[in-house]
């Protein structure tokens, strides 16, 4: 189920196959099918209603992309002729009973935004010979995770200036929150890891402008896009060896200067406008970095030095994080 959508994942976690079998035993419902069972039919009808598929032929093409077991349209039609309505009515009542706060907590659906980014602090090589950059320069990186809803720091770590952001990302991310980041964190292989790990990491990350979209399928909407949003579709990212294993959602909008902003995510229950608003929350960390560098300049002024030294950087990290 590597390509399952959020709805299929929730249904299979809330209503397992064993639960359906127990209800079938109580209602004396017998299912002799092996390739496409009543449980598969339940998942198919739920996805078809949620995504508004046009029919069995349309559903046949989209089943595999939604993480469902593949079946041809004739099998779907024959199976749907003998729907056990009492069983499905029992499943509906069971789902209504489970829709409470305790169930939402058990599902672990994240709501809080975790904005992640890094800033580079440069100085002379003589001050930090252990962190050379280029020529006579040296630098350190401050990797920060900020809780956007609260405006609070969550995690902070430091590395040398040559350390890639992707390599330090696991130190500041949290699978219990929605990861929001810039293009430096948009690696397709990492997206597959987020999707397939045991505790799925939900993310909203900007993609590079030259990203290739493989087999895009437009998401259906009942109304036109609002604001600067242009497209909302699902696809595989990249090409050849860099092609992602899973399909992800892509939202394309424009910035105030008219340049395209391509956002990749595995959030399927939010609207395109909500995805755009989530990414706009990343600006908070840019303001935070400006505040950090102003503090550094003030520290250097007090110590009568032209460039920030490691001592002032360490004190800033200690005061900010602790």
C-alpha atoms as a PDB file:
ATOM      1  CA  UNK A   1       0.000   0.000   0.000  1.00  0.00           C
ATOM      2  CA  UNK A   2       2.869   2.354  -0.757  1.00  0.00           C
ATOM      3  CA  UNK A   3       0.677   4.561  -2.959  1.00  0.00           C
ATOM      4  CA  UNK A   4      -2.327   4.769  -0.645  1.00  0.00           C
ATOM      5  CA  UNK A   5      -4.043   8.095  -0.193  1.00  0.00           C
ATOM      6  CA  UNK A   6      -4.966   9.562   3.145  1.00  0.00           C
ATOM      7  CA  UNK A   7      -8.553   8.225   2.934  1.00  0.00           C
ATOM      8  CA  UNK A   8      -7.485   4.636   2.242  1.00  0.00           C
ATOM      9  CA  UNK A   9      -4.939   4.776   5.036  1.00  0.00           C
ATOM     10  CA  UNK A  10      -7.489   6.045   7.540  1.00  0.00           C
ATOM     11  CA  UNK A  11     -10.109   3.483   6.498  1.00  0.00           C
ATOM     12  CA  UNK A  12      -7.714   0.569   6.814  1.00  0.00           C
ATOM     13  CA  UNK A  13      -6.509   1.737  10.207  1.00  0.00           C
ATOM     14  CA  UNK A  14     -10.010   2.394  11.575  1.00  0.00           C
ATOM     15  CA  UNK A  15     -11.822  -0.538   9.949  1.00  0.00           C
ATOM     16  CA  UNK A  16      -9.500  -3.493   9.523  1.00  0.00           C
ATOM     17  CA  UNK A  17     -10.196  -6.609   7.488  1.00  0.00           C
ATOM     18  CA  UNK A  18     -10.700  -8.583  10.708  1.00  0.00           C
ATOM     19  CA  UNK A  19     -13.459  -6.159  11.779  1.00  0.00           C
ATOM     20  CA  UNK A  20     -15.300  -6.682   8.486  1.00  0.00           C
ATOM     21  CA  UNK A  21     -14.955 -10.468   8.811  1.00  0.00           C
ATOM     22  CA  UNK A  22     -16.431 -10.366  12.303  1.00  0.00           C
ATOM     23  CA  UNK A  23     -19.442  -8.366  11.045  1.00  0.00           C
ATOM     24  CA  UNK A  24     -19.849 -10.825   8.169  1.00  0.00           C
ATOM     25  CA  UNK A  25     -19.982 -13.684  10.660  1.00  0.00           C
ATOM     26  CA  UNK A  26     -22.660 -11.944  12.709  1.00  0.00           C
ATOM     27  CA  UNK A  27     -24.814 -11.226   9.637  1.00  0.00           C
ATOM     28  CA  UNK A  28     -24.182 -14.632   7.965  1.00  0.00           C
ATOM     29  CA  UNK A  29     -22.602 -13.000   4.903  1.00  0.00           C
ATOM     30  CA  UNK A  30     -20.436 -15.410   2.883  1.00  0.00           C
ATOM     31  CA  UNK A  31     -17.745 -14.177   0.500  1.00  0.00           C
ATOM     32  CA  UNK A  32     -16.110 -16.815  -1.712  1.00  0.00           C
ATOM     33  CA  UNK A  33     -14.056 -14.365  -3.812  1.00  0.00           C
ATOM     34  CA  UNK A  34     -10.277 -14.467  -3.559  1.00  0.00           C
ATOM     35  CA  UNK A  35      -8.975 -11.749  -5.889  1.00  0.00           C
ATOM     36  CA  UNK A  36     -11.526  -9.046  -5.096  1.00  0.00           C
ATOM     37  CA  UNK A  37     -13.298  -9.451  -1.756  1.00  0.00           C
ATOM     38  CA  UNK A  38     -16.077  -7.510  -0.037  1.00  0.00           C
ATOM     39  CA  UNK A  39     -13.434  -5.595   1.892  1.00  0.00           C
ATOM     40  CA  UNK A  40     -11.827  -4.513  -1.403  1.00  0.00           C
ATOM     41  CA  UNK A  41     -15.250  -3.459  -2.666  1.00  0.00           C
ATOM     42  CA  UNK A  42     -15.752  -1.370   0.473  1.00  0.00           C
ATOM     43  CA  UNK A  43     -12.444   0.450  -0.077  1.00  0.00           C
ATOM     44  CA  UNK A  44     -13.207   0.939  -3.781  1.00  0.00           C
ATOM     45  CA  UNK A  45     -16.667   2.444  -3.203  1.00  0.00           C
ATOM     46  CA  UNK A  46     -15.267   4.747  -0.510  1.00  0.00           C
ATOM     47  CA  UNK A  47     -12.520   6.038  -2.828  1.00  0.00           C
ATOM     48  CA  UNK A  48     -14.947   6.375  -5.731  1.00  0.00           C
ATOM     49  CA  UNK A  49     -17.299   8.505  -3.638  1.00  0.00           C
ATOM     50  CA  UNK A  50     -14.472  10.589  -2.176  1.00  0.00           C
ATOM     51  CA  UNK A  51     -12.713  11.332  -5.488  1.00  0.00           C
ATOM     52  CA  UNK A  52     -15.942  11.365  -7.550  1.00  0.00           C
ATOM     53  CA  UNK A  53     -14.894   8.764 -10.106  1.00  0.00           C
ATOM     54  CA  UNK A  54     -17.121   8.710 -13.198  1.00  0.00           C
ATOM     55  CA  UNK A  55     -17.671   4.930 -13.359  1.00  0.00           C
ATOM     56  CA  UNK A  56     -16.115   1.485 -13.235  1.00  0.00           C
ATOM     57  CA  UNK A  57     -13.854   2.078 -16.245  1.00  0.00           C
ATOM     58  CA  UNK A  58     -12.572   5.304 -14.719  1.00  0.00           C
ATOM     59  CA  UNK A  59     -12.094   3.553 -11.376  1.00  0.00           C
ATOM     60  CA  UNK A  60     -10.133   0.739 -13.015  1.00  0.00           C
ATOM     61  CA  UNK A  61      -7.503   3.248 -14.176  1.00  0.00           C
ATOM     62  CA  UNK A  62      -7.265   5.046 -10.821  1.00  0.00           C
ATOM     63  CA  UNK A  63      -7.363   2.146  -8.349  1.00  0.00           C
ATOM     64  CA  UNK A  64      -3.646   1.391  -8.395  1.00  0.00           C
ATOM     65  CA  UNK A  65      -2.793   5.090  -8.028  1.00  0.00           C
ATOM     66  CA  UNK A  66      -4.956   5.252  -4.901  1.00  0.00           C
ATOM     67  CA  UNK A  67      -3.310   2.228  -3.288  1.00  0.00           C
ATOM     68  CA  UNK A  68      -6.191  -0.195  -3.957  1.00  0.00           C
ATOM     69  CA  UNK A  69      -6.026  -3.740  -5.266  1.00  0.00           C
ATOM     70  CA  UNK A  70      -6.298  -3.711  -9.079  1.00  0.00           C
ATOM     71  CA  UNK A  71      -9.348  -5.198 -10.807  1.00  0.00           C
ATOM     72  CA  UNK A  72     -10.956  -4.830 -14.236  1.00  0.00           C
ATOM     73  CA  UNK A  73     -14.213  -2.971 -14.688  1.00  0.00           C
ATOM     74  CA  UNK A  74     -16.258  -6.144 -15.309  1.00  0.00           C
ATOM     75  CA  UNK A  75     -15.159  -7.579 -11.964  1.00  0.00           C
ATOM     76  CA  UNK A  76     -16.126  -4.319 -10.271  1.00  0.00           C
ATOM     77  CA  UNK A  77     -19.523  -4.319 -11.966  1.00  0.00           C
ATOM     78  CA  UNK A  78     -20.295  -7.939 -11.023  1.00  0.00           C
ATOM     79  CA  UNK A  79     -19.167  -7.431  -7.435  1.00  0.00           C
ATOM     80  CA  UNK A  80     -21.237  -4.262  -7.051  1.00  0.00           C
ATOM     81  CA  UNK A  81     -24.418  -6.104  -8.177  1.00  0.00           C
ATOM     82  CA  UNK A  82     -24.456  -8.131  -4.968  1.00  0.00           C
ATOM     83  CA  UNK A  83     -23.637  -5.471  -2.365  1.00  0.00           C
ATOM     84  CA  UNK A  84     -24.495  -6.742   1.154  1.00  0.00           C
ATOM     85  CA  UNK A  85     -26.410  -3.637   2.251  1.00  0.00           C
ATOM     86  CA  UNK A  86     -26.868  -4.803   5.860  1.00  0.00           C
ATOM     87  CA  UNK A  87     -23.108  -5.226   6.207  1.00  0.00           C
ATOM     88  CA  UNK A  88     -22.354  -1.812   4.700  1.00  0.00           C
ATOM     89  CA  UNK A  89     -25.009  -0.226   6.931  1.00  0.00           C
ATOM     90  CA  UNK A  90     -23.297  -1.825   9.925  1.00  0.00           C
ATOM     91  CA  UNK A  91     -19.927  -0.444   8.777  1.00  0.00           C
ATOM     92  CA  UNK A  92     -21.437   3.034   8.433  1.00  0.00           C
ATOM     93  CA  UNK A  93     -22.767   2.945  12.009  1.00  0.00           C
ATOM     94  CA  UNK A  94     -19.409   1.640  13.204  1.00  0.00           C
ATOM     95  CA  UNK A  95     -17.575   4.559  11.540  1.00  0.00           C
ATOM     96  CA  UNK A  96     -19.980   7.100  13.051  1.00  0.00           C
ATOM     97  CA  UNK A  97     -19.339   5.663  16.508  1.00  0.00           C
ATOM     98  CA  UNK A  98     -15.572   5.992  16.012  1.00  0.00           C
ATOM     99  CA  UNK A  99     -15.631   9.639  14.865  1.00  0.00           C
ATOM    100  CA  UNK A 100     -14.657  11.130  18.225  1.00  0.00           C
ATOM    101  CA  UNK A 101     -11.640  12.901  19.689  1.00  0.00           C
ATOM    102  CA  UNK A 102     -10.052   9.687  20.955  1.00  0.00           C
ATOM    103  CA  UNK A 103     -10.009   8.199  17.462  1.00  0.00           C
ATOM    104  CA  UNK A 104      -8.505  11.340  15.928  1.00  0.00           C
ATOM    105  CA  UNK A 105      -5.683  11.191  18.471  1.00  0.00           C
ATOM    106  CA  UNK A 106      -5.118   7.492  17.776  1.00  0.00           C
ATOM    107  CA  UNK A 107      -4.850   8.119  14.036  1.00  0.00           C
ATOM    108  CA  UNK A 108      -2.061  10.614  14.671  1.00  0.00           C
ATOM    109  CA  UNK A 109      -3.167  13.061  11.978  1.00  0.00           C
ATOM    110  CA  UNK A 110      -0.800  16.041  12.359  1.00  0.00           C
ATOM    111  CA  UNK A 111      -2.131  19.595  12.417  1.00  0.00           C
ATOM    112  CA  UNK A 112       0.755  21.652  13.806  1.00  0.00           C
ATOM    113  CA  UNK A 113       3.207  23.156  11.308  1.00  0.00           C
ATOM    114  CA  UNK A 114       6.957  22.653  11.788  1.00  0.00           C
ATOM    115  CA  UNK A 115       8.956  25.133   9.669  1.00  0.00           C
ATOM    116  CA  UNK A 116      12.533  23.991   9.010  1.00  0.00           C
ATOM    117  CA  UNK A 117      15.391  25.974   7.461  1.00  0.00           C
ATOM    118  CA  UNK A 118      19.036  26.922   7.995  1.00  0.00           C
ATOM    119  CA  UNK A 119      21.100  30.116   7.976  1.00  0.00           C
ATOM    120  CA  UNK A 120      24.825  30.486   7.360  1.00  0.00           C
ATOM    121  CA  UNK A 121      27.144  32.631   9.488  1.00  0.00           C
ATOM    122  CA  UNK A 122      30.467  33.520   7.822  1.00  0.00           C
ATOM    123  CA  UNK A 123      33.706  34.745   9.353  1.00  0.00           C
ATOM    124  CA  UNK A 124      37.449  34.722   8.722  1.00  0.00           C
ATOM    125  CA  UNK A 125      39.276  31.405   8.493  1.00  0.00           C
ATOM    126  CA  UNK A 126      41.552  32.364  11.374  1.00  0.00           C
ATOM    127  CA  UNK A 127      38.609  32.518  13.760  1.00  0.00           C
ATOM    128  CA  UNK A 128      37.243  29.071  12.880  1.00  0.00           C
ATOM    129  CA  UNK A 129      39.985  27.000  11.185  1.00  0.00           C
ATOM    130  CA  UNK A 130      37.944  23.815  11.804  1.00  0.00           C
ATOM    131  CA  UNK A 131      35.104  25.038   9.527  1.00  0.00           C
ATOM    132  CA  UNK A 132      36.723  26.229   6.241  1.00  0.00           C
ATOM    133  CA  UNK A 133      34.453  27.411   3.446  1.00  0.00           C
ATOM    134  CA  UNK A 134      36.275  28.980   0.468  1.00  0.00           C
ATOM    135  CA  UNK A 135      39.558  30.800   0.366  1.00  0.00           C
ATOM    136  CA  UNK A 136      40.116  32.645   3.634  1.00  0.00           C
ATOM    137  CA  UNK A 137      36.526  32.233   4.822  1.00  0.00           C
ATOM    138  CA  UNK A 138      34.955  29.917   7.371  1.00  0.00           C
ATOM    139  CA  UNK A 139      31.301  29.374   8.241  1.00  0.00           C
ATOM    140  CA  UNK A 140      28.835  27.576  10.481  1.00  0.00           C
ATOM    141  CA  UNK A 141      25.194  26.704   9.820  1.00  0.00           C
ATOM    142  CA  UNK A 142      22.358  27.041  12.282  1.00  0.00           C
ATOM    143  CA  UNK A 143      19.555  24.525  11.543  1.00  0.00           C
ATOM    144  CA  UNK A 144      16.285  25.613  13.133  1.00  0.00           C
ATOM    145  CA  UNK A 145      12.809  24.079  13.488  1.00  0.00           C
ATOM    146  CA  UNK A 146      10.101  26.587  14.373  1.00  0.00           C
ATOM    147  CA  UNK A 147       6.516  25.902  15.489  1.00  0.00           C
ATOM    148  CA  UNK A 148       4.627  28.205  13.135  1.00  0.00           C
ATOM    149  CA  UNK A 149       1.319  28.243  15.019  1.00  0.00           C
ATOM    150  CA  UNK A 150       2.958  29.255  18.303  1.00  0.00           C
ATOM    151  CA  UNK A 151       5.952  31.191  16.979  1.00  0.00           C
ATOM    152  CA  UNK A 152       8.236  29.145  19.235  1.00  0.00           C
ATOM    153  CA  UNK A 153      11.522  27.340  18.708  1.00  0.00           C
ATOM    154  CA  UNK A 154      11.268  23.551  18.640  1.00  0.00           C
ATOM    155  CA  UNK A 155      14.766  22.260  17.810  1.00  0.00           C
ATOM    156  CA  UNK A 156      18.116  23.833  16.972  1.00  0.00           C
ATOM    157  CA  UNK A 157      21.362  22.239  15.868  1.00  0.00           C
ATOM    158  CA  UNK A 158      24.595  23.562  14.341  1.00  0.00           C
ATOM    159  CA  UNK A 159      26.975  22.189  11.691  1.00  0.00           C
ATOM    160  CA  UNK A 160      29.805  23.440   9.502  1.00  0.00           C
ATOM    161  CA  UNK A 161      28.899  25.627   6.538  1.00  0.00           C
ATOM    162  CA  UNK A 162      29.573  22.877   3.984  1.00  0.00           C
ATOM    163  CA  UNK A 163      27.076  20.446   5.525  1.00  0.00           C
ATOM    164  CA  UNK A 164      24.039  19.917   3.213  1.00  0.00           C
ATOM    165  CA  UNK A 165      20.652  20.868   4.635  1.00  0.00           C
ATOM    166  CA  UNK A 166      19.145  17.491   3.711  1.00  0.00           C
ATOM    167  CA  UNK A 167      21.710  15.617   5.795  1.00  0.00           C
ATOM    168  CA  UNK A 168      20.852  17.622   8.920  1.00  0.00           C
ATOM    169  CA  UNK A 169      17.089  17.626   8.349  1.00  0.00           C
ATOM    170  CA  UNK A 170      16.355  14.467  10.428  1.00  0.00           C
ATOM    171  CA  UNK A 171      17.835  16.196  13.481  1.00  0.00           C
ATOM    172  CA  UNK A 172      15.182  18.935  13.458  1.00  0.00           C
ATOM    173  CA  UNK A 173      12.091  17.233  11.949  1.00  0.00           C
ATOM    174  CA  UNK A 174       9.225  15.470  13.745  1.00  0.00           C
ATOM    175  CA  UNK A 175       6.775  12.984  12.192  1.00  0.00           C
ATOM    176  CA  UNK A 176       4.042  14.196  14.571  1.00  0.00           C
ATOM    177  CA  UNK A 177       3.981  17.570  12.791  1.00  0.00           C
ATOM    178  CA  UNK A 178       3.664  18.773   9.194  1.00  0.00           C
ATOM    179  CA  UNK A 179       7.109  19.583   7.795  1.00  0.00           C
ATOM    180  CA  UNK A 180       7.273  22.900   5.861  1.00  0.00           C
ATOM    181  CA  UNK A 181      10.530  23.664   4.046  1.00  0.00           C
ATOM    182  CA  UNK A 182      12.135  25.295   0.997  1.00  0.00           C
ATOM    183  CA  UNK A 183      13.702  23.826  -2.155  1.00  0.00           C
ATOM    184  CA  UNK A 184      16.883  22.747  -0.370  1.00  0.00           C
ATOM    185  CA  UNK A 185      14.851  19.954   1.282  1.00  0.00           C
ATOM    186  CA  UNK A 186      12.962  18.845  -1.858  1.00  0.00           C
ATOM    187  CA  UNK A 187      14.628  15.521  -2.690  1.00  0.00           C
ATOM    188  CA  UNK A 188      12.404  12.914  -4.360  1.00  0.00           C
ATOM    189  CA  UNK A 189      14.023   9.915  -2.665  1.00  0.00           C
ATOM    190  CA  UNK A 190      13.435  11.536   0.714  1.00  0.00           C
ATOM    191  CA  UNK A 191       9.751  12.064  -0.202  1.00  0.00           C
ATOM    192  CA  UNK A 192       9.429   8.295  -0.742  1.00  0.00           C
ATOM    193  CA  UNK A 193      11.021   7.693   2.654  1.00  0.00           C
ATOM    194  CA  UNK A 194       8.547  10.079   4.286  1.00  0.00           C
ATOM    195  CA  UNK A 195       5.647   8.250   2.619  1.00  0.00           C
ATOM    196  CA  UNK A 196       6.795   4.695   3.376  1.00  0.00           C
ATOM    197  CA  UNK A 197       8.162   4.997   6.911  1.00  0.00           C
ATOM    198  CA  UNK A 198       6.134   3.501   9.755  1.00  0.00           C
ATOM    199  CA  UNK A 199       5.089   6.882  11.163  1.00  0.00           C
ATOM    200  CA  UNK A 200       4.398   8.802   7.959  1.00  0.00           C
ATOM    201  CA  UNK A 201       5.974  12.240   7.738  1.00  0.00           C
ATOM    202  CA  UNK A 202       3.541  14.720   6.206  1.00  0.00           C
ATOM    203  CA  UNK A 203       5.219  17.612   4.398  1.00  0.00           C
ATOM    204  CA  UNK A 204       4.685  20.760   2.332  1.00  0.00           C
ATOM    205  CA  UNK A 205       7.954  21.459   0.511  1.00  0.00           C
ATOM    206  CA  UNK A 206       8.721  23.704  -2.436  1.00  0.00           C
ATOM    207  CA  UNK A 207      10.099  21.949  -5.543  1.00  0.00           C
ATOM    208  CA  UNK A 208      12.654  23.197  -8.020  1.00  0.00           C
ATOM    209  CA  UNK A 209      11.371  25.018 -11.088  1.00  0.00           C
ATOM    210  CA  UNK A 210      12.803  22.354 -13.457  1.00  0.00           C
ATOM    211  CA  UNK A 211      11.055  19.426 -11.730  1.00  0.00           C
ATOM    212  CA  UNK A 212       9.617  16.868 -14.178  1.00  0.00           C
ATOM    213  CA  UNK A 213       6.059  15.607 -13.641  1.00  0.00           C
ATOM    214  CA  UNK A 214       5.384  12.005 -14.711  1.00  0.00           C
ATOM    215  CA  UNK A 215       1.791  11.065 -15.675  1.00  0.00           C
ATOM    216  CA  UNK A 216       0.011  14.007 -13.993  1.00  0.00           C
ATOM    217  CA  UNK A 217      -3.696  13.658 -13.174  1.00  0.00           C
ATOM    218  CA  UNK A 218      -5.644  16.806 -12.414  1.00  0.00           C
ATOM    219  CA  UNK A 219      -7.591  16.806  -9.150  1.00  0.00           C
ATOM    220  CA  UNK A 220     -11.300  17.476  -9.583  1.00  0.00           C
ATOM    221  CA  UNK A 221     -12.741  20.675  -8.117  1.00  0.00           C
ATOM    222  CA  UNK A 222     -16.264  22.057  -7.871  1.00  0.00           C
ATOM    223  CA  UNK A 223     -15.163  25.693  -8.108  1.00  0.00           C
ATOM    224  CA  UNK A 224     -12.416  27.726  -9.773  1.00  0.00           C
ATOM    225  CA  UNK A 225      -9.057  28.373  -8.149  1.00  0.00           C
ATOM    226  CA  UNK A 226      -8.783  31.384  -5.885  1.00  0.00           C
ATOM    227  CA  UNK A 227      -5.895  33.848  -5.727  1.00  0.00           C
ATOM    228  CA  UNK A 228      -2.732  33.014  -7.665  1.00  0.00           C
ATOM    229  CA  UNK A 229      -3.173  29.213  -7.786  1.00  0.00           C
ATOM    230  CA  UNK A 230      -2.916  27.734 -11.296  1.00  0.00           C
ATOM    231  CA  UNK A 231      -2.858  23.938 -11.001  1.00  0.00           C
ATOM    232  CA  UNK A 232      -3.539  21.136  -8.530  1.00  0.00           C
ATOM    233  CA  UNK A 233      -2.678  17.577  -9.599  1.00  0.00           C
ATOM    234  CA  UNK A 234      -1.022  14.313  -8.536  1.00  0.00           C
ATOM    235  CA  UNK A 235       1.988  12.738 -10.270  1.00  0.00           C
ATOM    236  CA  UNK A 236       5.308  10.988  -9.853  1.00  0.00           C
ATOM    237  CA  UNK A 237       8.209  13.402  -9.485  1.00  0.00           C
ATOM    238  CA  UNK A 238      11.415  13.331 -11.536  1.00  0.00           C
ATOM    239  CA  UNK A 239      12.465  11.060 -14.368  1.00  0.00           C
ATOM    240  CA  UNK A 240      14.596   7.946 -14.986  1.00  0.00           C
ATOM    241  CA  UNK A 241      16.673   7.139 -11.873  1.00  0.00           C
ATOM    242  CA  UNK A 242      15.343  10.150  -9.982  1.00  0.00           C
ATOM    243  CA  UNK A 243      11.697   9.115 -10.520  1.00  0.00           C
ATOM    244  CA  UNK A 244       9.798   8.838  -7.254  1.00  0.00           C
ATOM    245  CA  UNK A 245       8.145   5.512  -6.408  1.00  0.00           C
ATOM    246  CA  UNK A 246       4.981   7.120  -5.060  1.00  0.00           C
ATOM    247  CA  UNK A 247       2.610   9.695  -6.467  1.00  0.00           C
ATOM    248  CA  UNK A 248       2.526  13.052  -4.713  1.00  0.00           C
ATOM    249  CA  UNK A 249       0.323  16.096  -4.890  1.00  0.00           C
ATOM    250  CA  UNK A 250       1.626  19.217  -6.662  1.00  0.00           C
ATOM    251  CA  UNK A 251       0.174  22.714  -6.271  1.00  0.00           C
ATOM    252  CA  UNK A 252       1.460  25.459  -8.594  1.00  0.00           C
ATOM    253  CA  UNK A 253       0.943  29.150  -7.824  1.00  0.00           C
ATOM    254  CA  UNK A 254       2.648  32.477  -8.538  1.00  0.00           C
ATOM    255  CA  UNK A 255       4.557  34.786  -6.237  1.00  0.00           C
ATOM    256  CA  UNK A 256       3.959  38.589  -6.241  1.00  0.00           C
ATOM    257  CA  UNK A 257       6.562  38.967  -9.023  1.00  0.00           C
ATOM    258  CA  UNK A 258       4.809  36.472 -11.286  1.00  0.00           C
ATOM    259  CA  UNK A 259       7.347  33.669 -10.841  1.00  0.00           C
ATOM    260  CA  UNK A 260       6.017  30.095 -10.453  1.00  0.00           C
ATOM    261  CA  UNK A 261       6.068  28.483  -7.017  1.00  0.00           C
ATOM    262  CA  UNK A 262       5.808  24.674  -7.210  1.00  0.00           C
ATOM    263  CA  UNK A 263       4.807  22.967  -3.972  1.00  0.00           C
ATOM    264  CA  UNK A 264       4.978  19.207  -3.380  1.00  0.00           C
ATOM    265  CA  UNK A 265       3.026  17.544  -0.585  1.00  0.00           C
ATOM    266  CA  UNK A 266       1.397  14.307   0.580  1.00  0.00           C
ATOM    267  CA  UNK A 267      -1.540  16.135   2.200  1.00  0.00           C
ATOM    268  CA  UNK A 268      -4.673  15.181   0.272  1.00  0.00           C
ATOM    269  CA  UNK A 269      -7.459  16.362   2.556  1.00  0.00           C
ATOM    270  CA  UNK A 270      -6.617  20.096   2.361  1.00  0.00           C
ATOM    271  CA  UNK A 271      -7.674  22.388  -0.473  1.00  0.00           C
ATOM    272  CA  UNK A 272      -5.089  23.918  -2.808  1.00  0.00           C
ATOM    273  CA  UNK A 273      -5.667  27.301  -1.148  1.00  0.00           C
ATOM    274  CA  UNK A 274      -4.907  25.763   2.259  1.00  0.00           C
ATOM    275  CA  UNK A 275      -1.683  24.197   0.952  1.00  0.00           C
ATOM    276  CA  UNK A 276      -0.590  27.613  -0.322  1.00  0.00           C
ATOM    277  CA  UNK A 277      -1.381  29.198   3.070  1.00  0.00           C
ATOM    278  CA  UNK A 278       0.636  26.484   4.843  1.00  0.00           C
ATOM    279  CA  UNK A 279       3.703  27.199   2.719  1.00  0.00           C
ATOM    280  CA  UNK A 280       3.357  30.945   3.326  1.00  0.00           C
ATOM    281  CA  UNK A 281       3.890  30.231   7.029  1.00  0.00           C
ATOM    282  CA  UNK A 282       7.540  29.520   6.155  1.00  0.00           C
ATOM    283  CA  UNK A 283       8.169  33.277   6.074  1.00  0.00           C
ATOM    284  CA  UNK A 284       8.204  33.255   9.884  1.00  0.00           C
ATOM    285  CA  UNK A 285      11.552  31.505   9.963  1.00  0.00           C
ATOM    286  CA  UNK A 286      13.061  34.091   7.584  1.00  0.00           C
ATOM    287  CA  UNK A 287      12.036  36.806  10.045  1.00  0.00           C
ATOM    288  CA  UNK A 288      13.573  34.722  12.837  1.00  0.00           C
ATOM    289  CA  UNK A 289      16.901  34.474  10.987  1.00  0.00           C
ATOM    290  CA  UNK A 290      16.961  38.246  10.473  1.00  0.00           C
ATOM    291  CA  UNK A 291      16.520  38.648  14.215  1.00  0.00           C
ATOM    292  CA  UNK A 292      19.385  36.222  14.885  1.00  0.00           C
ATOM    293  CA  UNK A 293      21.808  38.080  12.618  1.00  0.00           C
ATOM    294  CA  UNK A 294      20.887  41.425  14.162  1.00  0.00           C
ATOM    295  CA  UNK A 295      21.687  39.988  17.592  1.00  0.00           C
ATOM    296  CA  UNK A 296      25.043  38.763  16.253  1.00  0.00           C
ATOM    297  CA  UNK A 297      25.890  42.194  14.867  1.00  0.00           C
ATOM    298  CA  UNK A 298      24.983  43.728  18.213  1.00  0.00           C
ATOM    299  CA  UNK A 299      27.184  41.193  20.037  1.00  0.00           C
ATOM    300  CA  UNK A 300      30.114  41.952  17.745  1.00  0.00           C
ATOM    301  CA  UNK A 301      29.606  45.673  18.271  1.00  0.00           C
ATOM    302  CA  UNK A 302      29.730  45.232  22.035  1.00  0.00           C
ATOM    303  CA  UNK A 303      32.895  43.169  21.793  1.00  0.00           C
ATOM    304  CA  UNK A 304      34.382  45.648  19.294  1.00  0.00           C
ATOM    305  CA  UNK A 305      35.004  43.043  16.611  1.00  0.00           C
ATOM    306  CA  UNK A 306      34.362  43.254  12.900  1.00  0.00           C
ATOM    307  CA  UNK A 307      33.203  39.637  12.380  1.00  0.00           C
ATOM    308  CA  UNK A 308      31.270  37.242  14.641  1.00  0.00           C
ATOM    309  CA  UNK A 309      33.428  34.784  16.505  1.00  0.00           C
ATOM    310  CA  UNK A 310      32.492  31.271  17.612  1.00  0.00           C
ATOM    311  CA  UNK A 311      32.081  32.395  21.208  1.00  0.00           C
ATOM    312  CA  UNK A 312      29.310  34.836  20.333  1.00  0.00           C
ATOM    313  CA  UNK A 313      27.648  32.242  18.077  1.00  0.00           C
ATOM    314  CA  UNK A 314      27.721  29.709  20.897  1.00  0.00           C
ATOM    315  CA  UNK A 315      26.256  32.167  23.378  1.00  0.00           C
ATOM    316  CA  UNK A 316      23.517  33.105  20.917  1.00  0.00           C
ATOM    317  CA  UNK A 317      22.668  29.430  20.381  1.00  0.00           C
ATOM    318  CA  UNK A 318      22.612  28.843  24.137  1.00  0.00           C
ATOM    319  CA  UNK A 319      20.409  31.839  24.933  1.00  0.00           C
ATOM    320  CA  UNK A 320      18.014  31.121  22.062  1.00  0.00           C
ATOM    321  CA  UNK A 321      17.617  27.380  22.458  1.00  0.00           C
ATOM    322  CA  UNK A 322      17.824  27.029  26.240  1.00  0.00           C
END
